[in-house]
């Protein structure tokens, strides 16, 4: 189980998404993987973790556009 009470960006997001259960405090922070926006290559293993944890329709927005979500959107946008 992962409980997030602030931002979970990049590696923090991967760690959270690797957990079986994920909870995030409402309005406390944002979660996302903006690595490509700053020129960091995205490794295969974290991509597979994100593929498992996110809905297929959201993965491209998260990985390629660097979308970050607030806690209120996270629960509805990342079903699985």
C-alpha atoms as a PDB file:
ATOM      1  CA  UNK A   1       0.000   0.000   0.000  1.00  0.00           C
ATOM      2  CA  UNK A   2       1.234   3.493  -0.834  1.00  0.00           C
ATOM      3  CA  UNK A   3      -0.116   6.613   0.871  1.00  0.00           C
ATOM      4  CA  UNK A   4       0.822   9.940  -0.726  1.00  0.00           C
ATOM      5  CA  UNK A   5       0.366  13.241   1.100  1.00  0.00           C
ATOM      6  CA  UNK A   6       2.195  15.502  -1.347  1.00  0.00           C
ATOM      7  CA  UNK A   7       3.670  15.470  -4.833  1.00  0.00           C
ATOM      8  CA  UNK A   8       4.598  12.147  -6.456  1.00  0.00           C
ATOM      9  CA  UNK A   9       6.488  13.162  -9.577  1.00  0.00           C
ATOM     10  CA  UNK A  10       8.785  11.008 -11.735  1.00  0.00           C
ATOM     11  CA  UNK A  11      10.360   8.266  -9.585  1.00  0.00           C
ATOM     12  CA  UNK A  12       7.919   8.930  -6.754  1.00  0.00           C
ATOM     13  CA  UNK A  13       5.034   8.263  -9.119  1.00  0.00           C
ATOM     14  CA  UNK A  14       6.625   4.984 -10.227  1.00  0.00           C
ATOM     15  CA  UNK A  15       7.037   3.847  -6.605  1.00  0.00           C
ATOM     16  CA  UNK A  16       3.425   4.728  -5.824  1.00  0.00           C
ATOM     17  CA  UNK A  17       2.152   2.949  -8.939  1.00  0.00           C
ATOM     18  CA  UNK A  18       4.138  -0.183  -8.066  1.00  0.00           C
ATOM     19  CA  UNK A  19       2.010  -0.642  -4.924  1.00  0.00           C
ATOM     20  CA  UNK A  20      -1.085  -2.828  -4.915  1.00  0.00           C
ATOM     21  CA  UNK A  21      -3.197  -0.111  -3.251  1.00  0.00           C
ATOM     22  CA  UNK A  22      -2.701   3.626  -3.737  1.00  0.00           C
ATOM     23  CA  UNK A  23      -4.162   6.463  -1.664  1.00  0.00           C
ATOM     24  CA  UNK A  24      -3.531  10.165  -2.167  1.00  0.00           C
ATOM     25  CA  UNK A  25      -4.562  13.031   0.102  1.00  0.00           C
ATOM     26  CA  UNK A  26      -7.012  15.287  -1.703  1.00  0.00           C
ATOM     27  CA  UNK A  27      -5.586  18.642  -2.877  1.00  0.00           C
ATOM     28  CA  UNK A  28      -2.188  17.877  -1.350  1.00  0.00           C
ATOM     29  CA  UNK A  29      -0.145  17.518  -4.518  1.00  0.00           C
ATOM     30  CA  UNK A  30       0.143  16.194  -8.032  1.00  0.00           C
ATOM     31  CA  UNK A  31       1.179  12.845  -9.480  1.00  0.00           C
ATOM     32  CA  UNK A  32       2.745  12.163 -12.866  1.00  0.00           C
ATOM     33  CA  UNK A  33       5.742  11.178 -14.967  1.00  0.00           C
ATOM     34  CA  UNK A  34       7.115  14.236 -16.819  1.00  0.00           C
ATOM     35  CA  UNK A  35      10.557  12.751 -17.571  1.00  0.00           C
ATOM     36  CA  UNK A  36      10.336  13.268 -21.334  1.00  0.00           C
ATOM     37  CA  UNK A  37       9.550  16.975 -20.868  1.00  0.00           C
ATOM     38  CA  UNK A  38      12.996  17.521 -19.355  1.00  0.00           C
ATOM     39  CA  UNK A  39      14.834  15.192 -21.731  1.00  0.00           C
ATOM     40  CA  UNK A  40      15.255  12.178 -19.458  1.00  0.00           C
ATOM     41  CA  UNK A  41      14.758   8.875 -21.311  1.00  0.00           C
ATOM     42  CA  UNK A  42      12.016   6.704 -19.888  1.00  0.00           C
ATOM     43  CA  UNK A  43      13.308   3.214 -18.964  1.00  0.00           C
ATOM     44  CA  UNK A  44      11.415   0.062 -19.908  1.00  0.00           C
ATOM     45  CA  UNK A  45      10.736  -1.276 -16.386  1.00  0.00           C
ATOM     46  CA  UNK A  46       9.046   1.922 -15.081  1.00  0.00           C
ATOM     47  CA  UNK A  47       7.038   2.052 -18.308  1.00  0.00           C
ATOM     48  CA  UNK A  48       5.747  -1.462 -17.624  1.00  0.00           C
ATOM     49  CA  UNK A  49       4.822  -0.451 -14.058  1.00  0.00           C
ATOM     50  CA  UNK A  50       2.862   2.500 -15.437  1.00  0.00           C
ATOM     51  CA  UNK A  51       1.241   0.286 -18.066  1.00  0.00           C
ATOM     52  CA  UNK A  52      -0.026  -1.972 -15.278  1.00  0.00           C
ATOM     53  CA  UNK A  53      -1.162   0.854 -12.969  1.00  0.00           C
ATOM     54  CA  UNK A  54      -2.914   3.155 -15.442  1.00  0.00           C
ATOM     55  CA  UNK A  55      -5.729   2.844 -17.887  1.00  0.00           C
ATOM     56  CA  UNK A  56      -4.509   2.337 -21.457  1.00  0.00           C
ATOM     57  CA  UNK A  57      -6.227   5.527 -22.642  1.00  0.00           C
ATOM     58  CA  UNK A  58      -4.276   7.624 -20.105  1.00  0.00           C
ATOM     59  CA  UNK A  59      -0.794   6.141 -20.461  1.00  0.00           C
ATOM     60  CA  UNK A  60       0.161   8.088 -23.583  1.00  0.00           C
ATOM     61  CA  UNK A  61      -0.917  11.414 -22.047  1.00  0.00           C
ATOM     62  CA  UNK A  62       1.047  10.669 -18.910  1.00  0.00           C
ATOM     63  CA  UNK A  63       4.228   9.418 -20.567  1.00  0.00           C
ATOM     64  CA  UNK A  64       4.461  11.474 -23.758  1.00  0.00           C
ATOM     65  CA  UNK A  65       2.830  14.759 -22.754  1.00  0.00           C
ATOM     66  CA  UNK A  66       4.089  14.766 -19.158  1.00  0.00           C
ATOM     67  CA  UNK A  67       0.574  15.181 -17.779  1.00  0.00           C
ATOM     68  CA  UNK A  68       0.362  15.475 -13.989  1.00  0.00           C
ATOM     69  CA  UNK A  69      -2.897  14.915 -12.155  1.00  0.00           C
ATOM     70  CA  UNK A  70      -4.332  16.301  -8.939  1.00  0.00           C
ATOM     71  CA  UNK A  71      -5.637  13.832  -6.363  1.00  0.00           C
ATOM     72  CA  UNK A  72      -9.281  14.385  -7.296  1.00  0.00           C
ATOM     73  CA  UNK A  73      -8.630  13.471 -10.933  1.00  0.00           C
ATOM     74  CA  UNK A  74      -6.204  10.698 -10.103  1.00  0.00           C
ATOM     75  CA  UNK A  75      -8.819   8.291  -8.804  1.00  0.00           C
ATOM     76  CA  UNK A  76     -11.080   8.632 -11.825  1.00  0.00           C
ATOM     77  CA  UNK A  77      -8.393   8.988 -14.471  1.00  0.00           C
ATOM     78  CA  UNK A  78      -6.277   5.999 -13.381  1.00  0.00           C
ATOM     79  CA  UNK A  79      -8.703   3.121 -12.904  1.00  0.00           C
ATOM     80  CA  UNK A  80      -7.426  -0.398 -12.830  1.00  0.00           C
END
